[in-house]
N, C-alpha and C. Protein backbone atom coordinates (compact mmCIF):
# COMPACT_ATOMS: atom_id res chain seq x y z
N MET A 1 0.74 -0.86 0.10
CA MET A 1 -0.02 -0.01 -0.30
C MET A 1 0.86 1.26 0.17
N ILE A 2 0.71 2.50 -0.87
CA ILE A 2 1.42 3.41 -1.31
C ILE A 2 1.57 4.40 0.18
N SER A 3 0.63 4.29 1.41
CA SER A 3 0.61 4.86 2.87
C SER A 3 1.81 4.08 2.75
N ASP A 4 2.37 3.04 2.75
CA ASP A 4 3.59 2.52 3.58
C ASP A 4 4.68 2.96 3.58
N PHE A 5 4.97 3.47 2.46
CA PHE A 5 6.27 4.51 1.82
C PHE A 5 5.99 5.53 1.91
N ILE A 6 5.43 6.34 1.94
CA ILE A 6 5.17 7.64 2.56
C ILE A 6 4.70 8.39 4.00
N LYS A 7 5.82 8.61 4.23
CA LYS A 7 5.46 9.56 5.83
C LYS A 7 6.07 10.81 5.70
N PRO A 8 5.87 11.53 6.72
CA PRO A 8 6.18 13.10 6.49
C PRO A 8 7.51 13.73 5.84
N GLU A 9 8.29 12.93 6.09
CA GLU A 9 9.91 13.62 5.69
C GLU A 9 9.87 12.94 4.01
N SER A 10 8.85 12.30 3.41
CA SER A 10 9.46 12.42 2.35
C SER A 10 8.08 12.92 1.05
N VAL A 11 7.43 14.00 1.84
CA VAL A 11 6.90 14.69 1.14
C VAL A 11 7.67 16.32 1.02
N VAL A 12 7.31 16.63 -0.21
CA VAL A 12 7.45 17.99 0.09
C VAL A 12 6.32 19.00 -0.57
N PHE A 13 5.82 20.24 0.35
CA PHE A 13 4.48 20.45 0.77
C PHE A 13 4.52 21.26 0.04
N GLU A 14 5.12 22.08 -0.76
CA GLU A 14 4.66 22.90 -1.97
C GLU A 14 6.89 22.83 -2.67
N LEU A 15 6.02 22.55 -4.34
CA LEU A 15 7.86 22.32 -4.89
C LEU A 15 7.88 23.89 -5.28
N ASP A 16 8.80 24.28 -5.48
CA ASP A 16 9.43 25.25 -5.95
C ASP A 16 9.81 25.62 -7.33
N GLY A 17 9.88 24.16 -7.79
CA GLY A 17 10.40 24.30 -9.59
C GLY A 17 9.02 24.63 -10.31
N THR A 18 9.70 25.44 -11.52
CA THR A 18 8.38 26.24 -12.50
C THR A 18 8.62 25.21 -13.69
N ASP A 19 9.74 24.29 -13.84
CA ASP A 19 8.58 23.32 -14.96
C ASP A 19 8.99 21.95 -14.70
N ARG A 20 8.90 20.69 -15.07
CA ARG A 20 9.14 19.69 -15.19
C ARG A 20 10.60 19.33 -14.81
N ASP A 21 11.42 19.65 -15.21
CA ASP A 21 13.07 19.65 -15.03
C ASP A 21 13.33 20.04 -13.24
N GLU A 22 12.92 20.84 -13.71
CA GLU A 22 13.16 21.33 -12.13
C GLU A 22 12.51 20.70 -11.04
N ILE A 23 11.47 20.35 -10.89
CA ILE A 23 10.65 19.64 -10.70
C ILE A 23 11.52 18.12 -9.64
N LEU A 24 12.03 17.70 -11.50
CA LEU A 24 12.23 16.08 -10.66
C LEU A 24 13.51 16.21 -10.17
N ALA A 25 14.27 17.51 -10.28
CA ALA A 25 15.73 17.75 -9.48
C ALA A 25 15.34 17.78 -8.14
N GLU A 26 14.24 18.52 -7.63
CA GLU A 26 14.05 18.82 -6.60
C GLU A 26 13.50 17.55 -5.98
N LEU A 27 12.37 17.33 -6.48
CA LEU A 27 12.45 15.52 -5.75
C LEU A 27 13.07 14.61 -5.64
N THR A 28 14.12 14.74 -7.31
CA THR A 28 15.36 13.64 -6.78
C THR A 28 16.39 14.04 -5.97
N GLU A 29 16.11 14.92 -5.23
CA GLU A 29 16.78 16.01 -4.27
C GLU A 29 16.47 15.29 -2.26
N LYS A 30 14.77 15.00 -2.96
CA LYS A 30 14.35 14.44 -1.44
C LYS A 30 14.76 13.12 -1.53
N LEU A 31 14.71 12.53 -2.56
CA LEU A 31 14.80 11.14 -2.77
C LEU A 31 16.26 10.90 -2.33
N ILE A 32 17.16 11.27 -2.26
CA ILE A 32 18.62 10.66 -2.08
C ILE A 32 18.33 11.21 -0.44
N SER A 33 17.97 12.21 -0.40
CA SER A 33 17.48 12.70 1.73
C SER A 33 16.68 11.18 1.82
N LEU A 34 16.35 10.80 1.41
CA LEU A 34 15.55 9.42 2.33
C LEU A 34 16.24 8.39 2.11
N ASN A 35 17.32 8.09 0.80
CA ASN A 35 17.89 6.86 0.57
C ASN A 35 19.58 7.73 0.46
N SER A 36 20.77 7.65 0.96
CA SER A 36 21.87 7.99 0.19
C SER A 36 22.58 6.83 -0.23
N ASN A 37 21.54 5.32 -0.91
CA ASN A 37 22.27 5.12 -1.67
C ASN A 37 22.03 5.56 -3.01
N LEU A 38 21.29 6.72 -3.30
CA LEU A 38 20.56 7.13 -4.62
C LEU A 38 21.89 7.87 -5.40
N LYS A 39 22.59 7.69 -6.30
CA LYS A 39 23.19 8.33 -7.37
C LYS A 39 22.11 9.42 -7.72
N ARG A 40 22.67 10.56 -8.04
CA ARG A 40 21.91 12.19 -8.21
C ARG A 40 21.96 12.04 -9.50
N GLU A 41 23.28 11.54 -10.38
CA GLU A 41 22.53 11.99 -11.37
C GLU A 41 22.21 10.51 -12.30
N GLU A 42 22.43 9.46 -12.00
CA GLU A 42 21.85 8.71 -12.25
C GLU A 42 20.00 8.18 -12.36
N ILE A 43 19.74 8.70 -11.00
CA ILE A 43 18.20 9.05 -10.56
C ILE A 43 17.48 10.37 -11.53
N PHE A 44 18.35 10.72 -11.56
CA PHE A 44 17.93 12.77 -12.07
C PHE A 44 17.68 11.93 -14.16
N ASP A 45 19.14 11.69 -14.63
CA ASP A 45 19.08 11.46 -16.16
C ASP A 45 17.75 9.87 -16.40
N SER A 46 17.64 9.43 -14.79
CA SER A 46 16.18 8.50 -14.84
C SER A 46 15.56 8.71 -15.21
N LEU A 47 14.82 10.20 -14.57
CA LEU A 47 13.17 9.96 -15.03
C LEU A 47 13.31 11.21 -16.17
N VAL A 48 13.95 11.75 -16.41
CA VAL A 48 13.97 12.41 -17.35
C VAL A 48 13.81 11.84 -18.86
N LYS A 49 14.51 11.00 -19.23
CA LYS A 49 14.70 9.65 -20.11
C LYS A 49 12.98 9.11 -20.15
N ARG A 50 13.08 8.79 -19.05
CA ARG A 50 11.59 8.39 -19.09
C ARG A 50 10.84 9.53 -19.38
N GLU A 51 10.23 10.57 -18.48
CA GLU A 51 9.48 11.55 -19.41
C GLU A 51 9.46 12.07 -20.99
N GLU A 52 10.42 11.96 -21.13
CA GLU A 52 10.76 12.25 -22.68
C GLU A 52 10.19 10.73 -23.62
N LYS A 53 10.52 9.48 -22.91
CA LYS A 53 10.02 8.49 -23.63
C LYS A 53 8.45 8.70 -23.66
N MET A 54 7.56 8.63 -22.78
CA MET A 54 6.12 9.22 -23.03
C MET A 54 6.11 9.67 -21.18
N SER A 55 5.56 10.59 -21.42
CA SER A 55 4.83 11.53 -19.92
C SER A 55 4.06 10.53 -19.03
N THR A 56 4.59 10.58 -17.73
CA THR A 56 4.33 9.73 -16.79
C THR A 56 2.57 10.68 -15.95
N LEU A 57 2.29 11.76 -16.81
CA LEU A 57 1.41 12.38 -16.38
C LEU A 57 -0.10 11.35 -16.97
N VAL A 58 -0.90 11.09 -15.32
CA VAL A 58 -1.41 9.82 -15.73
C VAL A 58 -2.63 10.38 -15.68
N SER A 59 -3.44 11.66 -15.14
CA SER A 59 -4.42 12.03 -15.26
C SER A 59 -4.44 13.96 -15.40
N ALA A 60 -5.40 14.42 -15.21
CA ALA A 60 -5.18 15.97 -15.29
C ALA A 60 -5.06 15.95 -13.78
N GLY A 61 -3.62 16.41 -13.23
CA GLY A 61 -2.90 16.64 -12.26
C GLY A 61 -2.56 15.71 -11.33
N PHE A 62 -1.89 14.43 -11.83
CA PHE A 62 -1.62 13.92 -11.17
C PHE A 62 -0.14 13.65 -12.13
N ALA A 63 1.13 13.52 -12.02
CA ALA A 63 2.14 12.85 -12.34
C ALA A 63 2.88 11.66 -11.35
N VAL A 64 2.90 10.60 -12.13
CA VAL A 64 3.94 9.71 -11.64
C VAL A 64 5.51 9.09 -12.47
N PRO A 65 7.21 10.16 -12.23
CA PRO A 65 7.29 10.06 -12.58
C PRO A 65 8.05 8.89 -11.80
N HIS A 66 9.01 7.55 -12.79
CA HIS A 66 9.56 6.39 -11.72
C HIS A 66 10.68 6.03 -12.73
N ALA A 67 11.59 5.59 -11.62
CA ALA A 67 12.66 4.80 -12.48
C ALA A 67 13.15 3.50 -11.97
N VAL A 68 13.88 2.90 -12.02
CA VAL A 68 14.59 1.75 -11.30
C VAL A 68 15.70 1.58 -11.49
N SER A 69 16.62 1.27 -10.20
CA SER A 69 17.72 1.38 -9.64
C SER A 69 18.65 0.65 -9.26
N SER A 70 19.77 0.54 -9.67
CA SER A 70 20.54 -1.05 -9.50
C SER A 70 21.41 -0.54 -7.65
N SER A 71 20.78 0.87 -7.44
CA SER A 71 21.87 1.78 -6.57
C SER A 71 20.73 1.36 -4.88
N VAL A 72 19.50 0.68 -4.87
CA VAL A 72 18.34 0.42 -3.67
C VAL A 72 18.22 -0.88 -3.97
N SER A 73 17.52 -1.03 -2.55
CA SER A 73 17.67 -2.62 -2.50
C SER A 73 16.00 -2.63 -2.17
N GLU A 74 15.30 -0.93 -1.72
CA GLU A 74 14.18 -0.67 -1.16
C GLU A 74 13.62 0.15 -2.05
N THR A 75 12.23 0.20 -2.32
CA THR A 75 11.14 0.98 -2.71
C THR A 75 11.73 2.48 -2.12
N VAL A 76 11.46 3.77 -2.86
CA VAL A 76 11.59 4.47 -2.43
C VAL A 76 10.89 5.56 -3.07
N ILE A 77 10.34 6.44 -2.63
CA ILE A 77 9.06 7.11 -3.06
C ILE A 77 9.25 8.31 -2.06
N ALA A 78 8.97 9.76 -2.79
CA ALA A 78 8.29 11.03 -2.76
C ALA A 78 7.37 11.47 -3.52
N LEU A 79 7.10 12.58 -2.63
CA LEU A 79 5.45 13.16 -3.26
C LEU A 79 5.68 14.06 -2.97
N GLY A 80 5.44 15.37 -4.28
CA GLY A 80 5.52 16.48 -4.02
C GLY A 80 4.11 17.11 -4.21
N VAL A 81 3.90 18.00 -4.50
CA VAL A 81 2.90 19.08 -3.64
C VAL A 81 2.91 20.26 -4.87
N SER A 82 2.60 20.76 -5.92
CA SER A 82 2.14 22.10 -5.79
C SER A 82 1.20 22.49 -6.77
N HIS A 83 0.84 23.95 -5.80
CA HIS A 83 -0.56 24.34 -5.41
C HIS A 83 -1.17 24.76 -6.90
N LYS A 84 0.15 25.76 -8.06
CA LYS A 84 0.02 26.25 -8.42
C LYS A 84 -0.08 25.28 -9.92
N GLY A 85 0.52 24.08 -10.19
CA GLY A 85 0.51 23.56 -11.06
C GLY A 85 1.91 23.29 -11.93
N ILE A 86 2.44 22.72 -12.35
CA ILE A 86 3.09 22.16 -13.17
C ILE A 86 3.34 21.85 -14.31
N GLU A 87 3.69 22.24 -15.93
CA GLU A 87 3.47 21.88 -17.14
C GLU A 87 4.23 20.34 -16.93
N PHE A 88 3.66 18.99 -17.61
CA PHE A 88 4.45 18.14 -16.89
C PHE A 88 4.25 17.00 -18.47
N ASN A 89 3.26 17.43 -19.06
CA ASN A 89 3.04 16.74 -20.65
C ASN A 89 3.33 17.93 -21.87
N MET A 90 4.79 18.14 -21.83
CA MET A 90 5.58 19.04 -22.44
C MET A 90 4.33 18.72 -24.29
N THR A 91 3.80 17.35 -24.77
CA THR A 91 2.92 17.16 -26.15
C THR A 91 1.69 17.67 -25.80
N GLU A 92 1.15 17.53 -25.01
CA GLU A 92 -0.20 17.99 -24.73
C GLU A 92 -0.39 19.89 -24.48
N THR A 93 -1.33 19.94 -25.90
CA THR A 93 -1.74 21.21 -26.08
C THR A 93 -2.31 21.68 -25.23
N ASP A 94 -3.72 21.28 -24.45
CA ASP A 94 -4.52 21.78 -23.11
C ASP A 94 -4.18 21.97 -22.53
N LYS A 95 -3.22 23.07 -21.55
CA LYS A 95 -2.63 23.63 -20.39
C LYS A 95 -3.33 23.30 -19.06
N GLU A 96 -4.78 22.80 -19.16
CA GLU A 96 -4.81 21.68 -17.47
C GLU A 96 -4.36 20.84 -17.89
N ALA A 97 -4.77 19.97 -19.06
CA ALA A 97 -4.43 18.70 -19.34
C ALA A 97 -2.99 17.92 -19.31
N SER A 98 -2.36 18.90 -18.89
CA SER A 98 -1.12 18.54 -18.90
C SER A 98 0.05 19.38 -17.75
N THR A 99 -1.16 19.63 -17.23
CA THR A 99 -0.59 19.76 -15.62
C THR A 99 -0.13 19.17 -14.13
N ALA A 100 0.35 19.28 -13.22
CA ALA A 100 0.26 18.23 -12.90
C ALA A 100 0.31 19.10 -11.35
N LYS A 101 -0.07 18.77 -10.20
CA LYS A 101 -0.06 19.11 -8.83
C LYS A 101 0.00 18.73 -8.40
N ILE A 102 -0.33 17.22 -8.48
CA ILE A 102 0.44 16.45 -7.35
C ILE A 102 1.69 15.11 -8.25
N VAL A 103 3.20 15.02 -7.24
CA VAL A 103 3.53 14.42 -8.20
C VAL A 103 4.45 13.02 -7.27
N PHE A 104 4.03 11.70 -7.79
CA PHE A 104 4.64 10.91 -6.76
C PHE A 104 5.95 10.25 -7.70
N CYS A 105 6.98 10.89 -7.15
CA CYS A 105 8.15 10.13 -7.81
C CYS A 105 8.77 8.91 -6.85
N LEU A 106 8.42 7.92 -7.50
CA LEU A 106 9.16 6.41 -7.17
C LEU A 106 10.44 6.01 -7.54
N VAL A 107 11.48 5.55 -6.92
CA VAL A 107 12.54 4.56 -7.57
C VAL A 107 12.55 3.40 -7.16
N PHE A 108 12.54 2.49 -7.98
CA PHE A 108 12.11 0.90 -7.27
C PHE A 108 13.96 0.30 -7.66
N PRO A 109 14.14 -1.04 -6.75
CA PRO A 109 14.80 -1.79 -7.13
C PRO A 109 14.67 -2.62 -7.87
N GLU A 110 15.63 -3.43 -9.10
CA GLU A 110 16.26 -3.85 -9.96
C GLU A 110 14.51 -4.99 -9.28
N ASN A 111 14.76 -5.95 -8.89
CA ASN A 111 14.37 -6.82 -8.39
C ASN A 111 12.99 -7.15 -7.75
N LYS A 112 11.92 -6.39 -7.52
CA LYS A 112 11.21 -5.99 -7.04
C LYS A 112 10.00 -5.71 -8.17
N PRO A 113 9.63 -6.39 -9.79
CA PRO A 113 8.91 -5.89 -10.22
C PRO A 113 7.05 -5.96 -10.00
N ASP A 114 7.28 -7.05 -8.82
CA ASP A 114 5.73 -6.81 -8.61
C ASP A 114 5.47 -6.07 -8.07
N GLU A 115 6.35 -5.51 -6.75
CA GLU A 115 6.17 -4.31 -5.82
C GLU A 115 6.08 -3.65 -6.86
N HIS A 116 6.82 -2.99 -7.86
CA HIS A 116 7.09 -1.73 -8.96
C HIS A 116 5.29 -1.49 -9.43
N LEU A 117 4.43 -2.02 -10.48
CA LEU A 117 3.92 -2.82 -10.52
C LEU A 117 2.60 -2.29 -9.28
N GLU A 118 2.18 -2.85 -8.64
CA GLU A 118 1.49 -2.88 -7.06
C GLU A 118 1.55 -1.02 -6.79
N LEU A 119 2.62 -0.52 -6.80
CA LEU A 119 2.83 0.85 -6.64
C LEU A 119 2.15 1.69 -6.93
N LEU A 120 2.19 1.47 -8.45
CA LEU A 120 1.91 2.32 -9.89
C LEU A 120 0.58 2.33 -9.83
N LYS A 121 -0.40 0.97 -9.19
CA LYS A 121 -1.69 0.51 -9.29
C LYS A 121 -2.23 1.41 -8.31
N ASP A 122 -1.73 1.57 -7.14
CA ASP A 122 -2.27 2.02 -6.20
C ASP A 122 -2.33 3.49 -6.58
N ILE A 123 -1.30 4.10 -6.97
CA ILE A 123 -1.61 5.41 -7.50
C ILE A 123 -2.78 5.56 -8.13
N LEU A 124 -2.47 5.20 -9.64
CA LEU A 124 -3.47 5.38 -10.14
C LEU A 124 -5.43 5.31 -9.87
N LEU A 125 -5.15 3.98 -9.21
CA LEU A 125 -6.76 4.32 -8.12
C LEU A 125 -6.92 5.38 -7.05
N ILE A 126 -5.97 5.89 -6.17
CA ILE A 126 -6.15 6.48 -5.74
C ILE A 126 -6.48 8.20 -6.80
N ALA A 127 -5.36 7.81 -8.12
CA ALA A 127 -5.58 9.60 -8.97
C ALA A 127 -6.71 9.58 -9.28
N LYS A 128 -7.69 8.65 -9.26
CA LYS A 128 -9.25 8.55 -9.92
C LYS A 128 -10.21 8.76 -9.23
N ASN A 129 -9.93 9.35 -7.65
CA ASN A 129 -10.79 9.81 -6.51
C ASN A 129 -10.92 11.21 -6.68
N PRO A 130 -11.49 11.62 -7.35
CA PRO A 130 -11.70 13.12 -7.40
C PRO A 130 -11.69 14.36 -6.36
N ASP A 131 -12.11 13.61 -5.27
CA ASP A 131 -11.74 13.79 -4.06
C ASP A 131 -10.53 13.91 -3.03
N PHE A 132 -9.14 13.31 -3.75
CA PHE A 132 -7.73 13.41 -3.28
C PHE A 132 -7.81 14.16 -3.53
N MET A 133 -7.73 14.92 -4.60
CA MET A 133 -6.33 15.92 -4.87
C MET A 133 -6.82 17.29 -4.05
N ASN A 134 -8.54 17.61 -3.87
CA ASN A 134 -8.52 18.27 -3.55
C ASN A 134 -7.99 17.84 -1.71
N SER A 135 -8.35 17.32 -1.22
CA SER A 135 -8.30 16.78 0.02
C SER A 135 -6.26 17.20 0.11
N VAL A 136 -5.46 16.49 -0.68
CA VAL A 136 -4.15 17.22 -0.36
C VAL A 136 -4.12 18.67 -0.38
N LEU A 137 -4.76 19.15 -1.56
CA LEU A 137 -4.30 20.57 -2.07
C LEU A 137 -4.66 21.02 -0.63
N SER A 138 -5.36 21.32 0.00
CA SER A 138 -6.30 21.45 1.54
C SER A 138 -5.35 21.14 2.29
N ALA A 139 -4.41 19.99 2.67
CA ALA A 139 -4.34 20.01 3.57
C ALA A 139 -3.46 20.76 3.78
N LYS A 140 -3.09 20.73 5.59
CA LYS A 140 -2.02 22.32 6.56
C LYS A 140 -0.83 22.10 6.27
N ASP A 141 -0.18 20.05 6.42
CA ASP A 141 1.45 20.07 6.21
C ASP A 141 1.29 19.15 5.65
N ALA A 142 2.61 18.47 6.33
CA ALA A 142 2.91 17.16 5.36
C ALA A 142 2.43 15.69 6.17
N VAL A 143 2.10 16.35 7.43
CA VAL A 143 1.49 14.97 8.55
C VAL A 143 0.19 14.59 7.56
N ASP A 144 -0.82 15.94 7.62
CA ASP A 144 -1.98 15.70 7.18
C ASP A 144 -2.11 15.00 5.87
N ILE A 145 -1.19 15.21 5.38
CA ILE A 145 -1.05 14.61 3.79
C ILE A 145 -1.05 12.79 3.39
N CYS A 146 0.17 12.57 4.84
CA CYS A 146 -0.15 10.69 5.58
C CYS A 146 -1.30 10.86 5.68
N GLU A 147 -2.14 11.64 6.14
CA GLU A 147 -2.75 11.33 7.06
C GLU A 147 -4.20 10.52 5.56
N ILE A 148 -4.34 11.81 4.87
CA ILE A 148 -5.23 11.67 3.56
C ILE A 148 -4.97 10.27 3.06
N LEU A 149 -3.78 10.03 2.59
CA LEU A 149 -3.08 8.48 1.74
C LEU A 149 -3.54 7.64 2.50
N LYS A 150 -3.18 7.48 4.17
CA LYS A 150 -3.96 6.39 4.82
C LYS A 150 -5.66 5.97 4.82
N LYS A 151 -5.93 6.52 4.41
CA LYS A 151 -7.61 6.73 5.13
C LYS A 151 -7.62 6.37 3.46
N GLU A 152 -7.26 7.05 2.10
CA GLU A 152 -7.38 6.74 0.52
C GLU A 152 -6.22 5.05 0.04
N GLY A 153 -5.90 4.62 0.92
CA GLY A 153 -5.18 3.67 0.86
C GLY A 153 -6.05 2.24 1.36
N SER A 154 -7.08 2.46 1.87
CA SER A 154 -7.56 1.64 2.91
C SER A 154 -9.14 1.43 2.55
N TYR A 155 -8.99 1.62 0.70
CA TYR A 155 -10.84 0.91 0.61
C TYR A 155 -10.01 -0.14 0.01
């Protein structure tokens, strides 16, 4: 369940970046703060290449950049929130449809493909709930966001 992986220290309550790559860099730093084994350049480059291959904007408002790395033995997840939104899908002409306000950034170990798929599925289910984004955007702090995730993950 996604809430098992996201703690208050995993959350960037208000992302500072103004574009996709700045957000990926910011979330890479958060991931490194959670797991010092991560290699900054490897993770950032993997996330950018994944986005260039195909946007991870899964629905209006939600992006799920992710990478697989040999430098981790356990999955590491950061969650970032941008109240103003960040253009994430560079090929989409509809500004609203291309904007992310909630970004789940994940790095998976190479040897856990089932966990990889399960967590992505959990996030997609959460993204389908129209109340989830409003709840997160109305949250007071990272602790609130974690509580919202716990409630959402108990479906």
